[in-house]
C-alpha atoms as a PDB file:
ATOM      1  CA  MET A   1       0.000   0.000   0.000  1.00  0.00           C
ATOM      2  CA  GLY A   2       2.999   2.315   0.537  1.00  0.00           C
ATOM      3  CA  LEU A   3       3.529   5.469   2.554  1.00  0.00           C
ATOM      4  CA  LEU A   4       0.617   7.349   1.008  1.00  0.00           C
ATOM      5  CA  GLY A   5      -1.766   4.481   1.744  1.00  0.00           C
ATOM      6  CA  SER A   6      -0.489   4.231   5.316  1.00  0.00           C
ATOM      7  CA  PHE A   7      -0.959   7.962   5.822  1.00  0.00           C
ATOM      8  CA  VAL A   8      -4.507   7.720   4.423  1.00  0.00           C
ATOM      9  CA  ARG A   9      -5.279   4.960   6.938  1.00  0.00           C
ATOM     10  CA  PHE A  10      -3.861   7.134   9.742  1.00  0.00           C
ATOM     11  CA  LEU A  11      -5.942  10.139   8.708  1.00  0.00           C
ATOM     12  CA  LEU A  12      -9.150   8.210   8.254  1.00  0.00           C
ATOM     13  CA  GLY A  13      -8.576   6.446  11.543  1.00  0.00           C
ATOM     14  CA  GLN A  14      -8.310   9.836  13.248  1.00  0.00           C
ATOM     15  CA  CYS A  15     -11.172  11.481  11.396  1.00  0.00           C
ATOM     16  CA  SER A  16     -13.839   8.805  11.030  1.00  0.00           C
ATOM     17  CA  LYS A  17     -14.891   5.467  12.378  1.00  0.00           C
ATOM     18  CA  PRO A  18     -17.227   3.158  10.442  1.00  0.00           C
ATOM     19  CA  THR A  19     -20.468   2.418  12.217  1.00  0.00           C
ATOM     20  CA  THR A  20     -21.750  -1.138  12.381  1.00  0.00           C
ATOM     21  CA  THR A  21     -25.267  -2.504  12.411  1.00  0.00           C
ATOM     22  CA  GLY A  22     -25.715  -6.249  12.587  1.00  0.00           C
ATOM     23  CA  GLY A  23     -22.208  -6.812  11.313  1.00  0.00           C
ATOM     24  CA  ASP A  24     -22.643  -4.520   8.281  1.00  0.00           C
ATOM     25  CA  TYR A  25     -20.397  -1.508   7.887  1.00  0.00           C
ATOM     26  CA  SER A  26     -21.922   1.813   6.881  1.00  0.00           C
ATOM     27  CA  ASP A  27     -19.609   4.320   5.186  1.00  0.00           C
ATOM     28  CA  PRO A  28     -21.664   7.035   3.452  1.00  0.00           C
ATOM     29  CA  LEU A  29     -19.741   8.801   0.717  1.00  0.00           C
ATOM     30  CA  GLY A  30     -19.470  12.517   0.358  1.00  0.00           C
ATOM     31  CA  HIS A  31     -18.845  14.351  -2.912  1.00  0.00           C
ATOM     32  CA  HIS A  32     -15.073  13.787  -2.577  1.00  0.00           C
ATOM     33  CA  GLY A  33     -15.437  10.018  -2.720  1.00  0.00           C
ATOM     34  CA  VAL A  34     -14.552   9.640   0.974  1.00  0.00           C
ATOM     35  CA  SER A  35     -16.564   9.478   4.167  1.00  0.00           C
ATOM     36  CA  ALA A  36     -18.727  12.531   4.607  1.00  0.00           C
ATOM     37  CA  THR A  37     -17.072  13.113   7.991  1.00  0.00           C
ATOM     38  CA  THR A  38     -13.592  13.389   6.448  1.00  0.00           C
ATOM     39  CA  VAL A  39     -12.660  16.775   5.019  1.00  0.00           C
ATOM     40  CA  GLY A  40      -9.623  18.793   4.002  1.00  0.00           C
ATOM     41  CA  VAL A  41      -6.336  16.959   4.400  1.00  0.00           C
ATOM     42  CA  SER A  42      -7.813  13.477   4.762  1.00  0.00           C
ATOM     43  CA  ALA A  43     -10.114  13.927   1.761  1.00  0.00           C
ATOM     44  CA  LEU A  44      -7.198  14.999  -0.411  1.00  0.00           C
ATOM     45  CA  ALA A  45      -5.030  12.137   0.857  1.00  0.00           C
ATOM     46  CA  GLN A  46      -7.778   9.607   0.129  1.00  0.00           C
ATOM     47  CA  ASP A  47      -8.345  10.957  -3.386  1.00  0.00           C
ATOM     48  CA  LEU A  48      -4.622  10.859  -4.161  1.00  0.00           C
ATOM     49  CA  TYR A  49      -4.476   7.279  -2.924  1.00  0.00           C
ATOM     50  CA  ASN A  50      -7.483   6.374  -5.085  1.00  0.00           C
ATOM     51  CA  PHE A  51      -5.851   8.084  -8.067  1.00  0.00           C
ATOM     52  CA  GLU A  52      -2.722   5.961  -7.632  1.00  0.00           C
ATOM     53  CA  ILE A  53      -4.888   2.852  -7.910  1.00  0.00           C
ATOM     54  CA  THR A  54      -7.477   3.871 -10.511  1.00  0.00           C
ATOM     55  CA  SER A  55      -5.969   6.893 -12.354  1.00  0.00           C
ATOM     56  CA  GLN A  56      -9.391   8.524 -11.895  1.00  0.00           C
ATOM     57  CA  VAL A  57      -9.851  12.039 -10.547  1.00  0.00           C
ATOM     58  CA  PRO A  58     -12.695  12.521  -8.047  1.00  0.00           C
ATOM     59  CA  GLU A  59     -16.219  13.064  -9.308  1.00  0.00           C
ATOM     60  CA  GLY A  60     -17.432  16.584  -8.704  1.00  0.00           C
ATOM     61  CA  LEU A  61     -14.057  18.272  -9.173  1.00  0.00           C
ATOM     62  CA  GLY A  62     -15.215  19.465 -12.587  1.00  0.00           C
ATOM     63  CA  GLN A  63     -17.801  21.659 -10.876  1.00  0.00           C
ATOM     64  CA  HIS A  64     -14.963  23.676  -9.329  1.00  0.00           C
ATOM     65  CA  VAL A  65     -12.441  23.858 -12.199  1.00  0.00           C
ATOM     66  CA  ALA A  66     -12.633  24.695 -15.898  1.00  0.00           C
ATOM     67  CA  SER A  67      -9.872  22.452 -17.280  1.00  0.00           C
ATOM     68  CA  SER A  68     -10.472  19.036 -18.851  1.00  0.00           C
ATOM     69  CA  ARG A  69     -10.355  15.735 -16.965  1.00  0.00           C
ATOM     70  CA  LYS A  70      -7.108  14.968 -18.805  1.00  0.00           C
ATOM     71  CA  ALA A  71      -5.602  18.147 -17.364  1.00  0.00           C
ATOM     72  CA  GLN A  72      -7.010  17.258 -13.937  1.00  0.00           C
ATOM     73  CA  ALA A  73      -5.324  13.843 -14.131  1.00  0.00           C
ATOM     74  CA  ASN A  74      -2.043  15.617 -14.877  1.00  0.00           C
ATOM     75  CA  TRP A  75      -2.484  17.696 -11.695  1.00  0.00           C
ATOM     76  CA  TYR A  76      -3.154  14.614  -9.587  1.00  0.00           C
ATOM     77  CA  ARG A  77      -0.088  12.816 -10.974  1.00  0.00           C
ATOM     78  CA  LYS A  78       2.024  15.766  -9.827  1.00  0.00           C
ATOM     79  CA  LEU A  79       0.272  15.944  -6.459  1.00  0.00           C
ATOM     80  CA  VAL A  80       0.777  12.215  -5.810  1.00  0.00           C
ATOM     81  CA  VAL A  81       4.523  12.553  -6.386  1.00  0.00           C
ATOM     82  CA  THR A  82       4.862  15.700  -4.283  1.00  0.00           C
ATOM     83  CA  TRP A  83       2.756  14.289  -1.445  1.00  0.00           C
ATOM     84  CA  ARG A  84       4.659  10.999  -1.371  1.00  0.00           C
ATOM     85  CA  GLU A  85       8.015  12.773  -1.215  1.00  0.00           C
ATOM     86  CA  ALA A  86       6.992  15.387   1.373  1.00  0.00           C
ATOM     87  CA  LYS A  87       8.758  14.699   4.667  1.00  0.00           C
ATOM     88  CA  PRO A  88       6.646  14.810   6.724  1.00  0.00           C
ATOM     89  CA  PRO A  89       3.454  14.795   4.624  1.00  0.00           C
ATOM     90  CA  PRO A  90       0.920  17.591   5.228  1.00  0.00           C
ATOM     91  CA  ARG A  91      -1.123  17.184   8.401  1.00  0.00           C
ATOM     92  CA  THR A  92      -2.911  20.527   8.574  1.00  0.00           C
ATOM     93  CA  PRO A  93      -5.155  22.316   6.050  1.00  0.00           C
ATOM     94  CA  GLU A  94      -2.566  25.080   5.758  1.00  0.00           C
ATOM     95  CA  GLU A  95       0.212  22.593   4.913  1.00  0.00           C
ATOM     96  CA  ALA A  96      -1.986  20.792   2.390  1.00  0.00           C
ATOM     97  CA  ALA A  97      -3.028  24.077   0.773  1.00  0.00           C
ATOM     98  CA  SER A  98       0.625  25.122   0.505  1.00  0.00           C
ATOM     99  CA  LEU A  99       1.535  21.801  -1.136  1.00  0.00           C
ATOM    100  CA  VAL A 100      -1.272  22.177  -3.693  1.00  0.00           C
ATOM    101  CA  ILE A 101      -0.324  25.775  -4.504  1.00  0.00           C
ATOM    102  CA  GLN A 102       3.382  24.996  -4.919  1.00  0.00           C
ATOM    103  CA  THR A 103       2.772  21.826  -6.956  1.00  0.00           C
ATOM    104  CA  LEU A 104       0.309  23.502  -9.329  1.00  0.00           C
ATOM    105  CA  LYS A 105       2.318  26.685  -9.786  1.00  0.00           C
ATOM    106  CA  GLY A 106       2.035  27.775 -13.412  1.00  0.00           C
ATOM    107  CA  HIS A 107      -1.477  26.430 -13.861  1.00  0.00           C
ATOM    108  CA  ARG A 108      -4.515  28.660 -14.120  1.00  0.00           C
ATOM    109  CA  LYS A 109      -5.167  30.574 -10.909  1.00  0.00           C
ATOM    110  CA  ALA A 110      -8.888  29.738 -11.083  1.00  0.00           C
ATOM    111  CA  ASP A 111      -8.105  26.014 -11.325  1.00  0.00           C
ATOM    112  CA  VAL A 112      -5.727  26.101  -8.347  1.00  0.00           C
ATOM    113  CA  GLU A 113      -8.328  27.945  -6.288  1.00  0.00           C
ATOM    114  CA  GLY A 114     -10.974  25.473  -7.500  1.00  0.00           C
ATOM    115  CA  VAL A 115      -8.954  22.504  -6.204  1.00  0.00           C
ATOM    116  CA  LEU A 116      -8.492  24.234  -2.848  1.00  0.00           C
ATOM    117  CA  ALA A 117     -12.196  25.053  -2.632  1.00  0.00           C
ATOM    118  CA  PHE A 118     -13.132  21.462  -3.526  1.00  0.00           C
ATOM    119  CA  TYR A 119     -11.292  20.238  -0.426  1.00  0.00           C
ATOM    120  CA  GLY A 120     -12.271  23.159   1.787  1.00  0.00           C
ATOM    121  CA  LEU A 121      -8.632  24.137   2.241  1.00  0.00           C
ATOM    122  CA  ASN A 122      -7.641  27.606   3.336  1.00  0.00           C
ATOM    123  CA  ILE A 123      -6.712  29.867   0.449  1.00  0.00           C
ATOM    124  CA  SER A 124      -3.816  32.152   1.261  1.00  0.00           C
ATOM    125  CA  SER A 125      -4.400  35.857   0.792  1.00  0.00           C
ATOM    126  CA  GLU A 126      -1.193  35.848  -1.219  1.00  0.00           C
ATOM    127  CA  ASP A 127      -1.714  35.474  -4.951  1.00  0.00           C
ATOM    128  CA  PRO A 128      -0.439  31.923  -5.709  1.00  0.00           C
ATOM    129  CA  THR A 129       0.516  33.011  -9.220  1.00  0.00           C
ATOM    130  CA  SER A 130       2.601  36.034  -8.159  1.00  0.00           C
ATOM    131  CA  LEU A 131       6.320  35.933  -8.911  1.00  0.00           C
ATOM    132  CA  PRO A 132       9.366  37.206  -6.989  1.00  0.00           C
ATOM    133  CA  GLN A 133      10.956  40.420  -8.214  1.00  0.00           C
ATOM    134  CA  GLY A 134      13.033  39.960 -11.357  1.00  0.00           C
ATOM    135  CA  VAL A 135      11.412  36.677 -12.417  1.00  0.00           C
ATOM    136  CA  LYS A 136      10.298  36.759 -16.054  1.00  0.00           C
ATOM    137  CA  PHE A 137       8.284  33.549 -15.849  1.00  0.00           C
ATOM    138  CA  GLU A 138       8.142  30.199 -14.087  1.00  0.00           C
ATOM    139  CA  PHE A 139       7.147  26.659 -14.927  1.00  0.00           C
ATOM    140  CA  GLN A 140       6.754  23.169 -13.506  1.00  0.00           C
ATOM    141  CA  THR A 141       8.830  20.511 -15.244  1.00  0.00           C
ATOM    142  CA  LEU A 142       8.109  16.925 -16.093  1.00  0.00           C
ATOM    143  CA  PRO A 143      10.209  14.380 -14.113  1.00  0.00           C
ATOM    144  CA  VAL A 144      13.926  15.014 -14.664  1.00  0.00           C
ATOM    145  CA  ASP A 145      16.065  12.352 -16.337  1.00  0.00           C
ATOM    146  CA  ALA A 146      19.474  11.857 -14.697  1.00  0.00           C
ATOM    147  CA  LYS A 147      21.057  11.772 -18.178  1.00  0.00           C
ATOM    148  CA  ALA A 148      19.890  15.357 -18.701  1.00  0.00           C
ATOM    149  CA  ILE A 149      22.057  16.641 -15.830  1.00  0.00           C
ATOM    150  CA  ALA A 150      25.265  17.861 -17.459  1.00  0.00           C
ATOM    151  CA  ASP A 151      27.175  18.882 -14.326  1.00  0.00           C
ATOM    152  CA  GLY A 152      26.599  20.494 -10.952  1.00  0.00           C
ATOM    153  CA  ASP A 153      24.955  23.649 -12.285  1.00  0.00           C
ATOM    154  CA  THR A 154      23.321  22.759 -15.619  1.00  0.00           C
ATOM    155  CA  VAL A 155      20.305  20.606 -16.444  1.00  0.00           C
ATOM    156  CA  THR A 156      17.980  20.077 -19.394  1.00  0.00           C
ATOM    157  CA  VAL A 157      14.302  19.907 -18.466  1.00  0.00           C
ATOM    158  CA  TYR A 158      11.023  19.447 -20.313  1.00  0.00           C
ATOM    159  CA  VAL A 159       7.710  21.222 -19.773  1.00  0.00           C
ATOM    160  CA  SER A 160       4.409  19.750 -20.935  1.00  0.00           C
ATOM    161  CA  THR A 161       2.669  21.705 -23.690  1.00  0.00           C
ATOM    162  CA  GLU A 162      -0.520  21.270 -21.634  1.00  0.00           C
ATOM    163  CA  ASP A 163       0.931  23.941 -19.367  1.00  0.00           C
ATOM    164  CA  PRO A 164      -1.151  27.084 -20.037  1.00  0.00           C
ATOM    165  CA  ARG A 165       1.906  29.176 -20.851  1.00  0.00           C
ATOM    166  CA  GLU A 166       3.235  26.603 -23.310  1.00  0.00           C
ATOM    167  CA  SER A 167      -0.041  25.594 -24.937  1.00  0.00           C
ATOM    168  CA  SER A 168      -0.502  29.011 -26.516  1.00  0.00           C
ATOM    169  CA  CYS A 169       2.877  29.082 -28.266  1.00  0.00           C
ATOM    170  CA  VAL A 170       3.471  25.593 -29.702  1.00  0.00           C
ATOM    171  CA  PRO A 171       4.345  26.026 -33.421  1.00  0.00           C
ATOM    172  CA  SER A 172       1.652  24.652 -35.696  1.00  0.00           C
ATOM    173  CA  ASP A 173       4.156  22.472 -37.580  1.00  0.00           C
ATOM    174  CA  VAL A 174       5.197  20.858 -34.275  1.00  0.00           C
ATOM    175  CA  GLN A 175       1.572  20.168 -33.355  1.00  0.00           C
ATOM    176  CA  THR A 176       0.960  18.663 -36.793  1.00  0.00           C
ATOM    177  CA  ALA A 177       4.114  16.538 -36.602  1.00  0.00           C
ATOM    178  CA  ALA A 178       3.092  15.216 -33.171  1.00  0.00           C
ATOM    179  CA  ILE A 179      -0.335  14.180 -34.468  1.00  0.00           C
ATOM    180  CA  GLU A 180       1.113  12.573 -37.596  1.00  0.00           C
ATOM    181  CA  ARG A 181       3.728  10.758 -35.524  1.00  0.00           C
ATOM    182  CA  SER A 182       1.038   9.282 -33.307  1.00  0.00           C
ATOM    183  CA  GLU A 183      -0.879   8.140 -36.386  1.00  0.00           C
ATOM    184  CA  ALA A 184       2.263   6.620 -37.914  1.00  0.00           C
ATOM    185  CA  ARG A 185       3.011   4.672 -34.739  1.00  0.00           C
ATOM    186  CA  ALA A 186      -0.588   3.421 -34.636  1.00  0.00           C
ATOM    187  CA  VAL A 187      -0.031   1.682 -38.002  1.00  0.00           C
ATOM    188  CA  ARG A 188       3.524   0.642 -37.006  1.00  0.00           C
ATOM    189  CA  ASN A 189       5.189   2.909 -39.547  1.00  0.00           C
ATOM    190  CA  TYR A 190       8.101   3.533 -37.184  1.00  0.00           C
ATOM    191  CA  THR A 191      10.416   4.904 -39.871  1.00  0.00           C
ATOM    192  CA  ARG A 192       8.034   7.776 -40.559  1.00  0.00           C
ATOM    193  CA  ALA A 193       7.323   8.189 -36.837  1.00  0.00           C
ATOM    194  CA  ASP A 194      11.049   8.522 -36.092  1.00  0.00           C
ATOM    195  CA  ALA A 195      11.483  11.073 -38.904  1.00  0.00           C
ATOM    196  CA  LEU A 196       8.622  13.132 -37.515  1.00  0.00           C
ATOM    197  CA  HIS A 197      10.046  12.940 -34.008  1.00  0.00           C
ATOM    198  CA  LYS A 198      13.383  14.236 -35.311  1.00  0.00           C
ATOM    199  CA  LYS A 199      11.507  17.193 -36.784  1.00  0.00           C
ATOM    200  CA  ILE A 200       9.886  17.793 -33.390  1.00  0.00           C
ATOM    201  CA  ILE A 201      13.254  17.559 -31.599  1.00  0.00           C
ATOM    202  CA  ASP A 202      14.918  19.944 -34.053  1.00  0.00           C
ATOM    203  CA  ALA A 203      12.218  22.488 -33.186  1.00  0.00           C
ATOM    204  CA  GLY A 204      13.065  22.290 -29.470  1.00  0.00           C
ATOM    205  CA  TYR A 205      10.381  19.827 -28.417  1.00  0.00           C
ATOM    206  CA  ARG A 206      10.151  16.114 -27.693  1.00  0.00           C
ATOM    207  CA  VAL A 207       7.471  13.474 -27.231  1.00  0.00           C
ATOM    208  CA  LEU A 208       8.041  11.807 -23.856  1.00  0.00           C
ATOM    209  CA  ASN A 209       6.430   8.714 -22.397  1.00  0.00           C
ATOM    210  CA  ILE A 210       5.173   9.599 -18.912  1.00  0.00           C
ATOM    211  CA  GLU A 211       3.450   6.710 -17.130  1.00  0.00           C
ATOM    212  CA  ASN A 212       2.528   5.091 -20.474  1.00  0.00           C
ATOM    213  CA  GLU A 213       1.084   8.336 -21.818  1.00  0.00           C
ATOM    214  CA  GLU A 214       2.729  10.297 -24.630  1.00  0.00           C
ATOM    215  CA  VAL A 215       3.332  13.933 -23.711  1.00  0.00           C
ATOM    216  CA  LEU A 216       4.502  16.643 -26.101  1.00  0.00           C
ATOM    217  CA  ALA A 217       6.990  18.764 -24.163  1.00  0.00           C
ATOM    218  CA  ARG A 218       9.211  21.785 -24.726  1.00  0.00           C
ATOM    219  CA  LYS A 219      12.913  21.618 -23.969  1.00  0.00           C
ATOM    220  CA  TYR A 220      14.682  24.103 -21.699  1.00  0.00           C
ATOM    221  CA  ARG A 221      18.372  24.186 -20.783  1.00  0.00           C
ATOM    222  CA  ILE A 222      18.724  25.611 -17.277  1.00  0.00           C
ATOM    223  CA  ARG A 223      21.799  27.235 -15.762  1.00  0.00           C
ATOM    224  CA  LEU A 224      21.400  27.391 -11.988  1.00  0.00           C
ATOM    225  CA  ARG A 225      21.480  31.050 -11.019  1.00  0.00           C
ATOM    226  CA  GLY A 226      24.121  32.296  -8.616  1.00  0.00           C
ATOM    227  CA  ILE A 227      26.365  29.239  -8.323  1.00  0.00           C
ATOM    228  CA  ASP A 228      29.303  27.838 -10.276  1.00  0.00           C
ATOM    229  CA  ALA A 229      30.033  24.156  -9.766  1.00  0.00           C
ATOM    230  CA  PRO A 230      33.328  22.482 -10.707  1.00  0.00           C
ATOM    231  CA  GLU A 231      33.383  21.297 -14.329  1.00  0.00           C
ATOM    232  CA  SER A 232      33.043  17.542 -14.790  1.00  0.00           C
ATOM    233  CA  SER A 233      36.764  17.074 -15.479  1.00  0.00           C
ATOM    234  CA  MET A 234      37.825  19.217 -12.502  1.00  0.00           C
ATOM    235  CA  PRO A 235      38.500  17.902  -9.000  1.00  0.00           C
ATOM    236  CA  TYR A 236      35.151  17.345  -7.265  1.00  0.00           C
ATOM    237  CA  GLY A 237      33.312  17.824 -10.568  1.00  0.00           C
ATOM    238  CA  LYS A 238      31.815  14.327 -10.582  1.00  0.00           C
ATOM    239  CA  GLU A 239      30.762  14.620  -6.943  1.00  0.00           C
ATOM    240  CA  ALA A 240      29.044  17.960  -7.595  1.00  0.00           C
ATOM    241  CA  LYS A 241      27.117  16.488 -10.500  1.00  0.00           C
ATOM    242  CA  GLN A 242      26.106  13.488  -8.399  1.00  0.00           C
ATOM    243  CA  GLU A 243      24.785  15.778  -5.667  1.00  0.00           C
ATOM    244  CA  LEU A 244      22.575  17.561  -8.206  1.00  0.00           C
ATOM    245  CA  VAL A 245      21.393  14.200  -9.559  1.00  0.00           C
ATOM    246  CA  LYS A 246      20.429  13.160  -6.032  1.00  0.00           C
ATOM    247  CA  LEU A 247      18.464  16.375  -5.539  1.00  0.00           C
ATOM    248  CA  ILE A 248      16.457  16.471  -8.772  1.00  0.00           C
ATOM    249  CA  GLN A 249      16.460  13.088 -10.530  1.00  0.00           C
ATOM    250  CA  GLY A 250      12.890  11.964 -11.186  1.00  0.00           C
ATOM    251  CA  LYS A 251      11.477  15.135  -9.635  1.00  0.00           C
ATOM    252  CA  CYS A 252       8.995  17.626 -11.088  1.00  0.00           C
ATOM    253  CA  LEU A 253      10.791  20.906 -10.466  1.00  0.00           C
ATOM    254  CA  ARG A 254       9.565  24.427  -9.928  1.00  0.00           C
ATOM    255  CA  VAL A 255      11.818  26.728 -11.976  1.00  0.00           C
ATOM    256  CA  LEU A 256      11.915  30.536 -11.774  1.00  0.00           C
ATOM    257  CA  ILE A 257      13.499  32.081 -14.868  1.00  0.00           C
ATOM    258  CA  TYR A 258      15.333  35.419 -14.656  1.00  0.00           C
ATOM    259  CA  GLY A 259      16.809  35.594 -18.157  1.00  0.00           C
ATOM    260  CA  GLU A 260      19.234  33.945 -20.587  1.00  0.00           C
ATOM    261  CA  ASP A 261      23.014  33.658 -20.625  1.00  0.00           C
ATOM    262  CA  ARG A 262      25.245  34.103 -23.658  1.00  0.00           C
ATOM    263  CA  TYR A 263      24.905  30.408 -24.490  1.00  0.00           C
ATOM    264  CA  GLY A 264      21.117  30.585 -24.781  1.00  0.00           C
ATOM    265  CA  ARG A 265      20.485  28.806 -21.490  1.00  0.00           C
ATOM    266  CA  CYS A 266      17.741  29.972 -19.165  1.00  0.00           C
ATOM    267  CA  VAL A 267      19.184  31.274 -15.899  1.00  0.00           C
ATOM    268  CA  GLY A 268      16.985  30.368 -12.991  1.00  0.00           C
ATOM    269  CA  ASP A 269      16.329  29.227  -9.446  1.00  0.00           C
ATOM    270  CA  ILE A 270      15.249  25.612  -8.973  1.00  0.00           C
ATOM    271  CA  TYR A 271      13.071  24.138  -6.247  1.00  0.00           C
ATOM    272  CA  SER A 272      12.677  20.398  -5.722  1.00  0.00           C
ATOM    273  CA  ASN A 273       9.745  19.525  -3.442  1.00  0.00           C
ATOM    274  CA  GLY A 274      10.113  22.938  -1.819  1.00  0.00           C
ATOM    275  CA  THR A 275      13.891  22.585  -1.336  1.00  0.00           C
ATOM    276  CA  PHE A 276      15.963  25.411  -2.812  1.00  0.00           C
ATOM    277  CA  VAL A 277      18.525  23.481  -4.845  1.00  0.00           C
ATOM    278  CA  GLN A 278      21.241  26.162  -4.970  1.00  0.00           C
ATOM    279  CA  GLU A 279      21.171  26.457  -1.189  1.00  0.00           C
ATOM    280  CA  VAL A 280      21.840  22.739  -0.780  1.00  0.00           C
ATOM    281  CA  MET A 281      24.618  22.772  -3.377  1.00  0.00           C
ATOM    282  CA  LEU A 282      26.386  25.643  -1.621  1.00  0.00           C
ATOM    283  CA  LYS A 283      25.951  24.327   1.925  1.00  0.00           C
ATOM    284  CA  ASN A 284      27.253  20.894   0.885  1.00  0.00           C
ATOM    285  CA  GLY A 285      30.346  22.404  -0.710  1.00  0.00           C
ATOM    286  CA  CYS A 286      29.366  21.371  -4.235  1.00  0.00           C
ATOM    287  CA  ALA A 287      29.615  24.828  -5.813  1.00  0.00           C
ATOM    288  CA  TRP A 288      31.032  28.300  -5.485  1.00  0.00           C
ATOM    289  CA  HIS A 289      28.905  31.396  -5.035  1.00  0.00           C
ATOM    290  CA  TYR A 290      29.103  33.036  -8.477  1.00  0.00           C
ATOM    291  CA  ALA A 291      29.459  36.501  -6.982  1.00  0.00           C
ATOM    292  CA  ALA A 292      30.361  38.148 -10.293  1.00  0.00           C
ATOM    293  CA  TYR A 293      26.803  37.546 -11.492  1.00  0.00           C
ATOM    294  CA  ASP A 294      24.756  37.214  -8.300  1.00  0.00           C
ATOM    295  CA  LYS A 295      24.936  39.446  -5.225  1.00  0.00           C
ATOM    296  CA  ARG A 296      22.484  37.647  -2.932  1.00  0.00           C
ATOM    297  CA  PRO A 297      24.029  37.824   0.563  1.00  0.00           C
ATOM    298  CA  GLU A 298      22.572  34.473   1.646  1.00  0.00           C
ATOM    299  CA  PHE A 299      24.585  32.759  -1.112  1.00  0.00           C
ATOM    300  CA  ALA A 300      27.784  34.217   0.327  1.00  0.00           C
ATOM    301  CA  ARG A 301      26.766  33.038   3.821  1.00  0.00           C
ATOM    302  CA  TRP A 302      26.053  29.501   2.617  1.00  0.00           C
ATOM    303  CA  GLU A 303      29.435  29.318   0.889  1.00  0.00           C
ATOM    304  CA  GLU A 304      31.208  30.628   3.985  1.00  0.00           C
ATOM    305  CA  GLN A 305      29.430  28.007   6.086  1.00  0.00           C
ATOM    306  CA  ALA A 306      30.684  25.217   3.815  1.00  0.00           C
ATOM    307  CA  ARG A 307      34.203  26.676   3.829  1.00  0.00           C
ATOM    308  CA  ALA A 308      34.230  26.805   7.642  1.00  0.00           C
ATOM    309  CA  GLU A 309      33.038  23.208   7.881  1.00  0.00           C
ATOM    310  CA  ARG A 310      35.483  22.109   5.126  1.00  0.00           C
ATOM    311  CA  VAL A 311      32.828  20.052   3.362  1.00  0.00           C
ATOM    312  CA  GLY A 312      32.770  19.042  -0.276  1.00  0.00           C
ATOM    313  CA  LEU A 313      35.264  20.855  -2.484  1.00  0.00           C
ATOM    314  CA  TRP A 314      36.396  22.887   0.553  1.00  0.00           C
ATOM    315  CA  ALA A 315      38.109  19.790   1.974  1.00  0.00           C
ATOM    316  CA  SER A 316      40.909  20.814  -0.386  1.00  0.00           C
ATOM    317  CA  SER A 317      43.148  23.571   0.942  1.00  0.00           C
ATOM    318  CA  ASN A 318      43.097  25.563  -2.311  1.00  0.00           C
ATOM    319  CA  PRO A 319      40.371  24.410  -4.743  1.00  0.00           C
ATOM    320  CA  GLU A 320      40.622  25.858  -8.241  1.00  0.00           C
ATOM    321  CA  LYS A 321      37.882  28.280  -9.220  1.00  0.00           C
ATOM    322  CA  PRO A 322      35.794  27.029 -12.172  1.00  0.00           C
ATOM    323  CA  TRP A 323      35.935  30.378 -13.973  1.00  0.00           C
ATOM    324  CA  ASP A 324      39.759  30.387 -13.760  1.00  0.00           C
ATOM    325  CA  TRP A 325      39.850  26.783 -15.020  1.00  0.00           C
ATOM    326  CA  ARG A 326      37.672  27.682 -18.024  1.00  0.00           C
ATOM    327  CA  LYS A 327      39.783  30.734 -18.806  1.00  0.00           C
ATOM    328  CA  ASP A 328      42.989  28.667 -18.750  1.00  0.00           C
ATOM    329  CA  LYS A 329      41.388  26.082 -21.015  1.00  0.00           C
ATOM    330  CA  ARG A 330      40.324  28.731 -23.545  1.00  0.00           C
ATOM    331  CA  GLN A 331      43.891  30.069 -23.561  1.00  0.00           C
ATOM    332  CA  GLY A 332      45.279  26.572 -24.112  1.00  0.00           C
ATOM    333  CA  LYS A 333      47.095  26.375 -20.789  1.00  0.00           C
END
């Protein structure tokens, strides 16, 4: 049954007890598909558990949101993953509401509020779609493949074109190629399907298989803002990359984009299940604070903490700076 199932049993055990009459159990169902006496956190936990088993979103949700049931299923897939990996899982309405808001960042505000209203969860007075100063846009990624992590500060991610921001800007030739590829695969014309997929990839997209469902997704190369990790061939380069793999492999990330660098990569902050990835990389001695491009004082403090504790790359008495290493390489030294 797993951790989510165990937590559901705990919640339902605390919130409701079945009544018995002549050996028969009575468990009247409310509109959430759980006992009418269970609300909020327990109702959400039960529905996520049911979704894991049946892949069905709860009946009645459509009365609160405007998006399709396919889109709703996409939300619940994300929520199941986030809930399962939350340590500890939400136990209060405020914690559950925060998890929903963070997981569904980037989706329509009305839909996020509809999900919260469906479960009777408190809606924060803060606009869940507001962005920190300087952020141009944000998105939620599909699960990250370890092979897409180049080193300790660079990763390639994919964003579903069902995301509202992406859905409005998919090139028509990419949409057509995706449809034709699906049709070609249906008749086992894999040569044509592969040629069409190459066309999709060349345009900056890819068709991914997520839980046996094909998803058209846009590719983004992300440079983690404010840190500079050792290059792969430098001392501690492999360890830095492995730390990033541990933090984000298989995760659906929240990414805040501030701009692009000269290589066309998006420069951004990354959050994995609410954990600020750059903070962990700095505190574990897996990267330098890239002070030439980022003046956030907390980054300097986190680096100093790692230096003082001599963790990670700071175990070496005089680790080489990545920017000096790259400069020497360009000059042929």
